[in-house]
PDB file of N, CA and C in Angstrom:
ATOM      1  N   MET A   1      28.175 -12.427 -16.737  1.00  0.00           N
ATOM      2  CA  MET A   1      27.534 -11.561 -17.865  1.00  0.00           C
ATOM      3  C   MET A   1      25.967 -11.908 -17.669  1.00  0.00           C
ATOM      4  N   SER A   2      25.191 -10.775 -17.837  1.00  0.00           N
ATOM      5  CA  SER A   2      23.675 -10.840 -17.786  1.00  0.00           C
ATOM      6  C   SER A   2      23.048 -10.340 -19.065  1.00  0.00           C
ATOM      7  N   VAL A   3      21.995 -10.945 -19.472  1.00  0.00           N
ATOM      8  CA  VAL A   3      21.233 -10.490 -20.631  1.00  0.00           C
ATOM      9  C   VAL A   3      19.906  -9.782 -20.147  1.00  0.00           C
ATOM     10  N   THR A   4      19.813  -8.509 -20.639  1.00  0.00           N
ATOM     11  CA  THR A   4      18.458  -7.908 -20.235  1.00  0.00           C
ATOM     12  C   THR A   4      17.479  -7.865 -21.428  1.00  0.00           C
ATOM     13  N   LEU A   5      16.338  -8.246 -21.233  1.00  0.00           N
ATOM     14  CA  LEU A   5      15.247  -8.236 -22.324  1.00  0.00           C
ATOM     15  C   LEU A   5      14.433  -7.175 -22.224  1.00  0.00           C
ATOM     16  N   LYS A   6      14.452  -6.343 -23.080  1.00  0.00           N
ATOM     17  CA  LYS A   6      13.378  -5.068 -23.097  1.00  0.00           C
ATOM     18  C   LYS A   6      12.777  -4.996 -24.345  1.00  0.00           C
ATOM     19  N   LYS A   7      11.493  -4.695 -24.434  1.00  0.00           N
ATOM     20  CA  LYS A   7      10.730  -4.335 -25.503  1.00  0.00           C
ATOM     21  C   LYS A   7      11.048  -2.932 -25.950  1.00  0.00           C
ATOM     22  N   THR A   8      10.773  -2.700 -27.185  1.00  0.00           N
ATOM     23  CA  THR A   8      11.083  -1.274 -27.667  1.00  0.00           C
ATOM     24  C   THR A   8      10.169  -0.331 -27.057  1.00  0.00           C
ATOM     25  N   LYS A   9      10.185   1.030 -27.026  1.00  0.00           N
ATOM     26  CA  LYS A   9       9.210   1.810 -26.411  1.00  0.00           C
ATOM     27  C   LYS A   9       7.949   1.732 -27.215  1.00  0.00           C
ATOM     28  N   GLU A  10       6.821   1.619 -26.433  1.00  0.00           N
ATOM     29  CA  GLU A  10       5.375   1.648 -27.217  1.00  0.00           C
ATOM     30  C   GLU A  10       4.570   2.842 -26.507  1.00  0.00           C
ATOM     31  N   PRO A  11       3.778   3.375 -27.185  1.00  0.00           N
ATOM     32  CA  PRO A  11       2.929   4.478 -26.665  1.00  0.00           C
ATOM     33  C   PRO A  11       2.239   3.758 -25.544  1.00  0.00           C
ATOM     34  N   ALA A  12       1.922   4.415 -24.525  1.00  0.00           N
ATOM     35  CA  ALA A  12       1.169   4.028 -23.229  1.00  0.00           C
ATOM     36  C   ALA A  12      -0.088   3.473 -23.514  1.00  0.00           C
ATOM     37  N   ALA A  13      -0.925   3.758 -24.361  1.00  0.00           N
ATOM     38  CA  ALA A  13      -2.295   3.113 -24.692  1.00  0.00           C
ATOM     39  C   ALA A  13      -2.080   1.848 -25.342  1.00  0.00           C
ATOM     40  N   SER A  14      -0.982   1.571 -26.317  1.00  0.00           N
ATOM     41  CA  SER A  14      -0.970   0.278 -26.877  1.00  0.00           C
ATOM     42  C   SER A  14      -0.391  -0.536 -26.083  1.00  0.00           C
ATOM     43  N   LYS A  15       0.590  -0.109 -25.073  1.00  0.00           N
ATOM     44  CA  LYS A  15       1.299  -1.043 -24.124  1.00  0.00           C
ATOM     45  C   LYS A  15       0.312  -1.514 -23.015  1.00  0.00           C
ATOM     46  N   ARG A  16      -0.804  -0.873 -22.694  1.00  0.00           N
ATOM     47  CA  ARG A  16      -1.879  -1.333 -21.755  1.00  0.00           C
ATOM     48  C   ARG A  16      -2.652  -2.390 -22.570  1.00  0.00           C
ATOM     49  N   LYS A  17      -2.861  -2.150 -23.818  1.00  0.00           N
ATOM     50  CA  LYS A  17      -3.792  -3.202 -24.405  1.00  0.00           C
ATOM     51  C   LYS A  17      -2.844  -4.529 -24.694  1.00  0.00           C
ATOM     52  N   ALA A  18      -1.594  -4.419 -24.631  1.00  0.00           N
ATOM     53  CA  ALA A  18      -0.862  -5.630 -24.944  1.00  0.00           C
ATOM     54  C   ALA A  18      -0.726  -6.490 -23.824  1.00  0.00           C
ATOM     55  N   VAL A  19      -0.951  -5.853 -22.632  1.00  0.00           N
ATOM     56  CA  VAL A  19      -0.771  -6.914 -21.339  1.00  0.00           C
ATOM     57  C   VAL A  19      -2.263  -7.148 -21.031  1.00  0.00           C
ATOM     58  N   ARG A  20      -2.430  -8.459 -20.777  1.00  0.00           N
ATOM     59  CA  ARG A  20      -3.780  -8.912 -20.545  1.00  0.00           C
ATOM     60  C   ARG A  20      -4.205  -8.565 -19.215  1.00  0.00           C
ATOM     61  N   ALA A  21      -5.580  -8.385 -19.044  1.00  0.00           N
ATOM     62  CA  ALA A  21      -6.289  -8.078 -17.811  1.00  0.00           C
ATOM     63  C   ALA A  21      -5.567  -9.086 -16.724  1.00  0.00           C
ATOM     64  N   GLY A  22      -5.539  -8.455 -15.517  1.00  0.00           N
ATOM     65  CA  GLY A  22      -4.968  -9.457 -14.418  1.00  0.00           C
ATOM     66  C   GLY A  22      -3.478  -9.814 -14.541  1.00  0.00           C
ATOM     67  N   ARG A  23      -2.706  -9.241 -15.516  1.00  0.00           N
ATOM     68  CA  ARG A  23      -1.278  -9.727 -15.749  1.00  0.00           C
ATOM     69  C   ARG A  23      -0.404  -8.260 -15.614  1.00  0.00           C
ATOM     70  N   GLU A  24       0.800  -8.618 -15.344  1.00  0.00           N
ATOM     71  CA  GLU A  24       1.709  -7.422 -15.318  1.00  0.00           C
ATOM     72  C   GLU A  24       3.077  -7.865 -16.031  1.00  0.00           C
ATOM     73  N   ARG A  25       3.460  -7.119 -16.926  1.00  0.00           N
ATOM     74  CA  ARG A  25       4.730  -7.325 -17.677  1.00  0.00           C
ATOM     75  C   ARG A  25       5.830  -6.978 -16.796  1.00  0.00           C
ATOM     76  N   ILE A  26       6.916  -7.993 -16.518  1.00  0.00           N
ATOM     77  CA  ILE A  26       8.093  -7.553 -15.898  1.00  0.00           C
ATOM     78  C   ILE A  26       9.529  -7.790 -16.661  1.00  0.00           C
ATOM     79  N   LEU A  27      10.382  -7.092 -16.008  1.00  0.00           N
ATOM     80  CA  LEU A  27      11.696  -7.447 -16.700  1.00  0.00           C
ATOM     81  C   LEU A  27      12.534  -7.946 -15.705  1.00  0.00           C
ATOM     82  N   ILE A  28      13.061  -9.138 -16.333  1.00  0.00           N
ATOM     83  CA  ILE A  28      13.995 -10.069 -15.510  1.00  0.00           C
ATOM     84  C   ILE A  28      15.439 -10.037 -16.232  1.00  0.00           C
ATOM     85  N   GLU A  29      16.464 -10.498 -15.564  1.00  0.00           N
ATOM     86  CA  GLU A  29      17.882 -10.493 -16.067  1.00  0.00           C
ATOM     87  C   GLU A  29      18.206 -12.048 -15.922  1.00  0.00           C
ATOM     88  N   PHE A  30      18.682 -12.717 -16.716  1.00  0.00           N
ATOM     89  CA  PHE A  30      19.278 -13.901 -16.869  1.00  0.00           C
ATOM     90  C   PHE A  30      20.714 -13.930 -17.241  1.00  0.00           C
ATOM     91  N   PRO A  31      21.653 -14.844 -16.640  1.00  0.00           N
ATOM     92  CA  PRO A  31      23.077 -14.949 -17.250  1.00  0.00           C
ATOM     93  C   PRO A  31      22.706 -15.732 -18.543  1.00  0.00           C
ATOM     94  N   VAL A  32      23.511 -15.477 -19.588  1.00  0.00           N
ATOM     95  CA  VAL A  32      23.411 -16.090 -20.932  1.00  0.00           C
ATOM     96  C   VAL A  32      23.190 -17.495 -20.772  1.00  0.00           C
ATOM     97  N   SER A  33      24.138 -18.225 -20.049  1.00  0.00           N
ATOM     98  CA  SER A  33      23.870 -19.663 -20.064  1.00  0.00           C
ATOM     99  C   SER A  33      22.520 -20.132 -19.539  1.00  0.00           C
ATOM    100  N   LEU A  34      21.985 -19.502 -18.468  1.00  0.00           N
ATOM    101  CA  LEU A  34      20.766 -19.933 -18.063  1.00  0.00           C
ATOM    102  C   LEU A  34      19.666 -19.620 -18.944  1.00  0.00           C
ATOM    103  N   LEU A  35      19.836 -18.404 -19.578  1.00  0.00           N
ATOM    104  CA  LEU A  35      18.772 -18.109 -20.834  1.00  0.00           C
ATOM    105  C   LEU A  35      18.681 -19.156 -21.869  1.00  0.00           C
ATOM    106  N   GLN A  36      19.813 -19.609 -22.227  1.00  0.00           N
ATOM    107  CA  GLN A  36      19.954 -20.666 -23.173  1.00  0.00           C
ATOM    108  C   GLN A  36      19.352 -21.974 -22.741  1.00  0.00           C
ATOM    109  N   ARG A  37      19.699 -22.274 -21.533  1.00  0.00           N
ATOM    110  CA  ARG A  37      19.034 -23.581 -20.912  1.00  0.00           C
ATOM    111  C   ARG A  37      17.611 -23.335 -20.802  1.00  0.00           C
ATOM    112  N   THR A  38      17.124 -22.268 -20.499  1.00  0.00           N
ATOM    113  CA  THR A  38      15.714 -21.982 -20.208  1.00  0.00           C
ATOM    114  C   THR A  38      15.018 -22.067 -21.639  1.00  0.00           C
ATOM    115  N   ASP A  39      15.589 -21.508 -22.802  1.00  0.00           N
ATOM    116  CA  ASP A  39      14.961 -21.677 -23.995  1.00  0.00           C
ATOM    117  C   ASP A  39      15.093 -22.998 -24.635  1.00  0.00           C
ATOM    118  N   ASN A  40      16.122 -23.787 -24.400  1.00  0.00           N
ATOM    119  CA  ASN A  40      16.177 -25.208 -24.881  1.00  0.00           C
ATOM    120  C   ASN A  40      15.128 -26.024 -24.122  1.00  0.00           C
ATOM    121  N   ALA A  41      14.932 -25.875 -22.772  1.00  0.00           N
ATOM    122  CA  ALA A  41      13.974 -26.645 -22.117  1.00  0.00           C
ATOM    123  C   ALA A  41      12.637 -26.131 -22.467  1.00  0.00           C
ATOM    124  N   ALA A  42      12.196 -24.916 -22.751  1.00  0.00           N
ATOM    125  CA  ALA A  42      11.018 -24.372 -23.150  1.00  0.00           C
ATOM    126  C   ALA A  42      10.667 -25.098 -24.474  1.00  0.00           C
ATOM    127  N   ALA A  43      11.631 -25.132 -25.449  1.00  0.00           N
ATOM    128  CA  ALA A  43      11.405 -25.733 -26.727  1.00  0.00           C
ATOM    129  C   ALA A  43      11.138 -27.091 -26.722  1.00  0.00           C
ATOM    130  N   ARG A  44      11.840 -27.936 -25.802  1.00  0.00           N
ATOM    131  CA  ARG A  44      11.465 -29.388 -25.646  1.00  0.00           C
ATOM    132  C   ARG A  44      10.139 -29.610 -25.128  1.00  0.00           C
ATOM    133  N   LEU A  45       9.710 -28.649 -24.204  1.00  0.00           N
ATOM    134  CA  LEU A  45       8.195 -28.871 -23.791  1.00  0.00           C
ATOM    135  C   LEU A  45       7.248 -28.216 -24.562  1.00  0.00           C
ATOM    136  N   GLU A  46       7.693 -27.571 -25.743  1.00  0.00           N
ATOM    137  CA  GLU A  46       6.751 -26.765 -26.621  1.00  0.00           C
ATOM    138  C   GLU A  46       6.072 -25.716 -25.996  1.00  0.00           C
ATOM    139  N   LYS A  47       6.735 -25.033 -25.180  1.00  0.00           N
ATOM    140  CA  LYS A  47       6.249 -23.630 -24.681  1.00  0.00           C
ATOM    141  C   LYS A  47       6.958 -22.648 -25.053  1.00  0.00           C
ATOM    142  N   ASN A  48       6.581 -21.444 -24.888  1.00  0.00           N
ATOM    143  CA  ASN A  48       7.270 -20.228 -25.099  1.00  0.00           C
ATOM    144  C   ASN A  48       8.076 -19.966 -23.768  1.00  0.00           C
ATOM    145  N   ARG A  49       9.062 -18.979 -23.987  1.00  0.00           N
ATOM    146  CA  ARG A  49       9.855 -18.705 -22.654  1.00  0.00           C
ATOM    147  C   ARG A  49       9.003 -18.115 -21.596  1.00  0.00           C
ATOM    148  N   SER A  50       8.027 -17.263 -21.681  1.00  0.00           N
ATOM    149  CA  SER A  50       7.241 -16.847 -20.649  1.00  0.00           C
ATOM    150  C   SER A  50       6.540 -17.938 -20.051  1.00  0.00           C
ATOM    151  N   GLU A  51       5.941 -18.799 -20.749  1.00  0.00           N
ATOM    152  CA  GLU A  51       5.119 -19.948 -20.407  1.00  0.00           C
ATOM    153  C   GLU A  51       6.057 -20.839 -19.378  1.00  0.00           C
ATOM    154  N   PHE A  52       7.265 -21.096 -19.941  1.00  0.00           N
ATOM    155  CA  PHE A  52       8.088 -21.951 -19.190  1.00  0.00           C
ATOM    156  C   PHE A  52       8.511 -21.206 -17.720  1.00  0.00           C
ATOM    157  N   ILE A  53       8.857 -20.013 -17.883  1.00  0.00           N
ATOM    158  CA  ILE A  53       9.102 -19.356 -16.619  1.00  0.00           C
ATOM    159  C   ILE A  53       8.057 -19.282 -15.603  1.00  0.00           C
ATOM    160  N   ARG A  54       6.888 -18.842 -16.145  1.00  0.00           N
ATOM    161  CA  ARG A  54       5.605 -18.868 -15.409  1.00  0.00           C
ATOM    162  C   ARG A  54       5.385 -20.183 -14.674  1.00  0.00           C
ATOM    163  N   THR A  55       5.435 -21.294 -15.265  1.00  0.00           N
ATOM    164  CA  THR A  55       5.411 -22.786 -14.773  1.00  0.00           C
ATOM    165  C   THR A  55       6.368 -22.901 -13.796  1.00  0.00           C
ATOM    166  N   ALA A  56       7.541 -22.630 -14.068  1.00  0.00           N
ATOM    167  CA  ALA A  56       8.602 -22.836 -13.036  1.00  0.00           C
ATOM    168  C   ALA A  56       8.377 -22.203 -11.736  1.00  0.00           C
ATOM    169  N   VAL A  57       8.132 -20.778 -11.934  1.00  0.00           N
ATOM    170  CA  VAL A  57       7.726 -20.044 -10.741  1.00  0.00           C
ATOM    171  C   VAL A  57       6.569 -20.699  -9.958  1.00  0.00           C
ATOM    172  N   GLU A  58       5.610 -20.964 -10.645  1.00  0.00           N
ATOM    173  CA  GLU A  58       4.365 -21.590 -10.004  1.00  0.00           C
ATOM    174  C   GLU A  58       4.675 -22.826  -9.182  1.00  0.00           C
ATOM    175  N   GLN A  59       5.553 -23.756  -9.820  1.00  0.00           N
ATOM    176  CA  GLN A  59       5.855 -25.041  -9.254  1.00  0.00           C
ATOM    177  C   GLN A  59       6.685 -24.742  -8.007  1.00  0.00           C
ATOM    178  N   LEU A  60       7.724 -23.803  -8.152  1.00  0.00           N
ATOM    179  CA  LEU A  60       8.610 -23.381  -6.855  1.00  0.00           C
ATOM    180  C   LEU A  60       7.670 -23.064  -5.744  1.00  0.00           C
ATOM    181  N   LEU A  61       6.867 -22.123  -6.187  1.00  0.00           N
ATOM    182  CA  LEU A  61       5.976 -21.624  -4.963  1.00  0.00           C
ATOM    183  C   LEU A  61       4.979 -22.610  -4.336  1.00  0.00           C
ATOM    184  N   GLU A  62       4.466 -23.513  -5.142  1.00  0.00           N
ATOM    185  CA  GLU A  62       3.787 -24.802  -4.787  1.00  0.00           C
ATOM    186  C   GLU A  62       4.453 -25.622  -3.768  1.00  0.00           C
ATOM    187  N   ASP A  63       5.668 -25.758  -4.207  1.00  0.00           N
ATOM    188  CA  ASP A  63       6.680 -26.637  -3.325  1.00  0.00           C
ATOM    189  C   ASP A  63       6.903 -26.100  -2.123  1.00  0.00           C
ATOM    190  N   MET A  64       7.087 -24.685  -2.152  1.00  0.00           N
ATOM    191  CA  MET A  64       7.355 -24.044  -0.947  1.00  0.00           C
ATOM    192  C   MET A  64       6.016 -23.997   0.115  1.00  0.00           C
ATOM    193  N   GLU A  65       4.870 -23.906  -0.600  1.00  0.00           N
ATOM    194  CA  GLU A  65       3.819 -23.733   0.312  1.00  0.00           C
ATOM    195  C   GLU A  65       3.397 -25.234   0.839  1.00  0.00           C
ATOM    196  N   LYS A  66       3.750 -26.287  -0.004  1.00  0.00           N
ATOM    197  CA  LYS A  66       3.583 -27.705   0.464  1.00  0.00           C
ATOM    198  C   LYS A  66       4.616 -27.837   1.736  1.00  0.00           C
ATOM    199  N   GLU A  67       5.757 -27.524   1.515  1.00  0.00           N
ATOM    200  CA  GLU A  67       6.680 -27.607   2.526  1.00  0.00           C
ATOM    201  C   GLU A  67       6.337 -26.935   3.951  1.00  0.00           C
ATOM    202  N   LYS A  68       5.927 -25.832   3.756  1.00  0.00           N
ATOM    203  CA  LYS A  68       5.323 -24.952   4.979  1.00  0.00           C
ATOM    204  C   LYS A  68       4.122 -25.701   5.768  1.00  0.00           C
ATOM    205  N   PHE A  69       3.301 -26.159   4.771  1.00  0.00           N
ATOM    206  CA  PHE A  69       2.151 -26.871   5.410  1.00  0.00           C
ATOM    207  C   PHE A  69       2.611 -28.186   5.930  1.00  0.00           C
ATOM    208  N   GLU A  70       3.546 -28.943   5.307  1.00  0.00           N
ATOM    209  CA  GLU A  70       3.909 -30.052   6.136  1.00  0.00           C
ATOM    210  C   GLU A  70       4.775 -29.872   7.409  1.00  0.00           C
ATOM    211  N   LEU A  71       5.470 -28.843   7.599  1.00  0.00           N
ATOM    212  CA  LEU A  71       6.224 -28.397   8.822  1.00  0.00           C
ATOM    213  C   LEU A  71       5.107 -28.147   9.726  1.00  0.00           C
ATOM    214  N   GLU A  72       4.159 -27.252   9.330  1.00  0.00           N
ATOM    215  CA  GLU A  72       3.083 -27.006  10.466  1.00  0.00           C
ATOM    216  C   GLU A  72       2.244 -28.160  10.835  1.00  0.00           C
ATOM    217  N   LEU A  73       1.967 -29.194   9.866  1.00  0.00           N
ATOM    218  CA  LEU A  73       1.245 -30.357  10.410  1.00  0.00           C
ATOM    219  C   LEU A  73       2.156 -31.080  11.180  1.00  0.00           C
ATOM    220  N   ALA A  74       3.406 -31.286  10.942  1.00  0.00           N
ATOM    221  CA  ALA A  74       4.356 -32.052  11.840  1.00  0.00           C
ATOM    222  C   ALA A  74       4.507 -31.562  13.257  1.00  0.00           C
ATOM    223  N   ALA A  75       4.417 -29.960  13.311  1.00  0.00           N
ATOM    224  CA  ALA A  75       4.425 -29.298  14.522  1.00  0.00           C
ATOM    225  C   ALA A  75       3.092 -29.479  15.235  1.00  0.00           C
ATOM    226  N   ALA A  76       1.995 -29.527  14.696  1.00  0.00           N
ATOM    227  CA  ALA A  76       0.678 -29.837  15.180  1.00  0.00           C
ATOM    228  C   ALA A  76       0.580 -31.161  15.936  1.00  0.00           C
ATOM    229  N   TYR A  77       1.241 -32.187  15.216  1.00  0.00           N
ATOM    230  CA  TYR A  77       1.171 -33.546  15.697  1.00  0.00           C
ATOM    231  C   TYR A  77       2.250 -33.791  16.868  1.00  0.00           C
ATOM    232  N   ALA A  78       3.238 -33.020  16.859  1.00  0.00           N
ATOM    233  CA  ALA A  78       4.005 -32.865  17.921  1.00  0.00           C
ATOM    234  C   ALA A  78       3.349 -32.397  19.075  1.00  0.00           C
ATOM    235  N   ALA A  79       2.883 -31.262  18.900  1.00  0.00           N
ATOM    236  CA  ALA A  79       2.250 -30.624  20.112  1.00  0.00           C
ATOM    237  C   ALA A  79       0.894 -31.521  20.553  1.00  0.00           C
ATOM    238  N   ASN A  80       0.314 -32.275  19.881  1.00  0.00           N
ATOM    239  CA  ASN A  80      -0.821 -33.091  20.367  1.00  0.00           C
ATOM    240  C   ASN A  80      -0.464 -34.395  20.627  1.00  0.00           C
ATOM    241  N   ALA A  81       0.840 -34.749  20.730  1.00  0.00           N
ATOM    242  CA  ALA A  81       1.339 -36.130  20.875  1.00  0.00           C
ATOM    243  C   ALA A  81       0.928 -36.653  22.200  1.00  0.00           C
ATOM    244  N   GLN A  82       1.059 -36.072  23.310  1.00  0.00           N
ATOM    245  CA  GLN A  82       0.696 -36.587  24.506  1.00  0.00           C
ATOM    246  C   GLN A  82      -0.801 -36.782  24.608  1.00  0.00           C
ATOM    247  N   MET A  83      -1.690 -35.729  24.301  1.00  0.00           N
ATOM    248  CA  MET A  83      -3.096 -35.958  24.268  1.00  0.00           C
ATOM    249  C   MET A  83      -3.466 -37.298  23.349  1.00  0.00           C
ATOM    250  N   ASN A  84      -2.857 -37.322  22.131  1.00  0.00           N
ATOM    251  CA  ASN A  84      -3.038 -38.554  21.428  1.00  0.00           C
ATOM    252  C   ASN A  84      -2.745 -39.796  21.839  1.00  0.00           C
ATOM    253  N   GLN A  85      -1.709 -40.002  22.618  1.00  0.00           N
ATOM    254  CA  GLN A  85      -1.344 -41.084  23.328  1.00  0.00           C
ATOM    255  C   GLN A  85      -2.418 -41.363  24.472  1.00  0.00           C
ATOM    256  N   GLU A  86      -2.875 -40.368  25.176  1.00  0.00           N
ATOM    257  CA  GLU A  86      -3.689 -40.610  26.390  1.00  0.00           C
ATOM    258  C   GLU A  86      -5.215 -40.999  25.711  1.00  0.00           C
ATOM    259  N   VAL A  87      -5.663 -40.588  24.561  1.00  0.00           N
ATOM    260  CA  VAL A  87      -6.786 -40.952  23.942  1.00  0.00           C
ATOM    261  C   VAL A  87      -6.562 -42.546  23.471  1.00  0.00           C
ATOM    262  N   ALA A  88      -5.589 -42.722  22.864  1.00  0.00           N
ATOM    263  CA  ALA A  88      -5.262 -44.128  22.452  1.00  0.00           C
ATOM    264  C   ALA A  88      -5.301 -45.204  23.461  1.00  0.00           C
ATOM    265  N   LYS A  89      -4.653 -44.957  24.536  1.00  0.00           N
ATOM    266  CA  LYS A  89      -4.783 -45.610  25.909  1.00  0.00           C
ATOM    267  C   LYS A  89      -6.159 -45.830  26.367  1.00  0.00           C
ATOM    268  N   GLU A  90      -6.905 -44.806  26.364  1.00  0.00           N
ATOM    269  CA  GLU A  90      -8.341 -44.803  26.874  1.00  0.00           C
ATOM    270  C   GLU A  90      -9.172 -45.617  26.227  1.00  0.00           C
ATOM    271  N   PHE A  91      -8.919 -45.820  24.825  1.00  0.00           N
ATOM    272  CA  PHE A  91      -9.873 -46.646  24.056  1.00  0.00           C
ATOM    273  C   PHE A  91      -9.161 -47.812  23.427  1.00  0.00           C
ATOM    274  N   ALA A  92      -7.954 -48.195  24.017  1.00  0.00           N
ATOM    275  CA  ALA A  92      -7.285 -49.487  23.816  1.00  0.00           C
ATOM    276  C   ALA A  92      -8.136 -50.785  23.824  1.00  0.00           C
ATOM    277  N   HIS A  93      -8.852 -50.666  25.089  1.00  0.00           N
ATOM    278  CA  HIS A  93      -9.889 -51.997  25.134  1.00  0.00           C
ATOM    279  C   HIS A  93     -10.745 -52.045  23.867  1.00  0.00           C
ATOM    280  N   ILE A  94     -11.372 -51.143  23.413  1.00  0.00           N
ATOM    281  CA  ILE A  94     -12.168 -51.146  22.358  1.00  0.00           C
ATOM    282  C   ILE A  94     -11.587 -51.709  21.073  1.00  0.00           C
ATOM    283  N   ASP A  95     -10.492 -51.224  21.029  1.00  0.00           N
ATOM    284  CA  ASP A  95      -9.726 -51.761  19.840  1.00  0.00           C
ATOM    285  C   ASP A  95      -9.344 -53.149  19.881  1.00  0.00           C
ATOM    286  N   ARG A  96      -9.505 -53.667  21.087  1.00  0.00           N
ATOM    287  CA  ARG A  96      -9.108 -55.239  21.146  1.00  0.00           C
ATOM    288  C   ARG A  96     -10.457 -56.017  21.224  1.00  0.00           C
ATOM    289  N   GLU A  97     -11.688 -55.455  21.336  1.00  0.00           N
ATOM    290  CA  GLU A  97     -12.915 -56.101  21.299  1.00  0.00           C
ATOM    291  C   GLU A  97     -13.123 -57.001  20.166  1.00  0.00           C
ATOM    292  N   GLY A  98     -13.584 -58.235  20.147  1.00  0.00           N
ATOM    293  CA  GLY A  98     -13.700 -59.166  19.214  1.00  0.00           C
ATOM    294  C   GLY A  98     -12.501 -60.039  18.966  1.00  0.00           C
ATOM    295  N   PHE A  99     -11.448 -59.504  19.350  1.00  0.00           N
ATOM    296  CA  PHE A  99     -10.086 -60.420  19.326  1.00  0.00           C
ATOM    297  C   PHE A  99      -9.899 -61.254  20.379  1.00  0.00           C
ATOM    298  N   ASP A 100     -10.426 -60.633  21.773  1.00  0.00           N
ATOM    299  CA  ASP A 100     -10.265 -61.416  22.998  1.00  0.00           C
ATOM    300  C   ASP A 100     -11.296 -62.619  23.182  1.00  0.00           C
ATOM    301  N   ASP A 101     -12.310 -62.644  22.327  1.00  0.00           N
ATOM    302  CA  ASP A 101     -13.267 -63.702  22.672  1.00  0.00           C
ATOM    303  C   ASP A 101     -12.969 -64.959  21.932  1.00  0.00           C
ATOM    304  N   ARG A 102     -11.748 -65.052  21.225  1.00  0.00           N
ATOM    305  CA  ARG A 102     -11.320 -66.421  20.639  1.00  0.00           C
ATOM    306  C   ARG A 102     -10.884 -67.325  21.421  1.00  0.00           C
TER     307      ARG A 102
END
């Protein structure tokens, strides 16, 4: 079962004023149980439903972007592994300077 949240019809002019600049009003559907869990969690965090959902979406997007970046970084390390090993070997004698004099 889904719950659809709709605002009553407003005149176009007042509707435009109600939505802040740079924001867009959307309509989403939640199963009843998910909506109840969302409202309970929002209340515990002292946020309204919209704030809670925005925060959750932002966090999910940030997590996805971070995961993508980490995969790209791992691929770059793998692609440059041979070169990095060669550079490390080339400068190994410098890393040992000061330790061989004992």
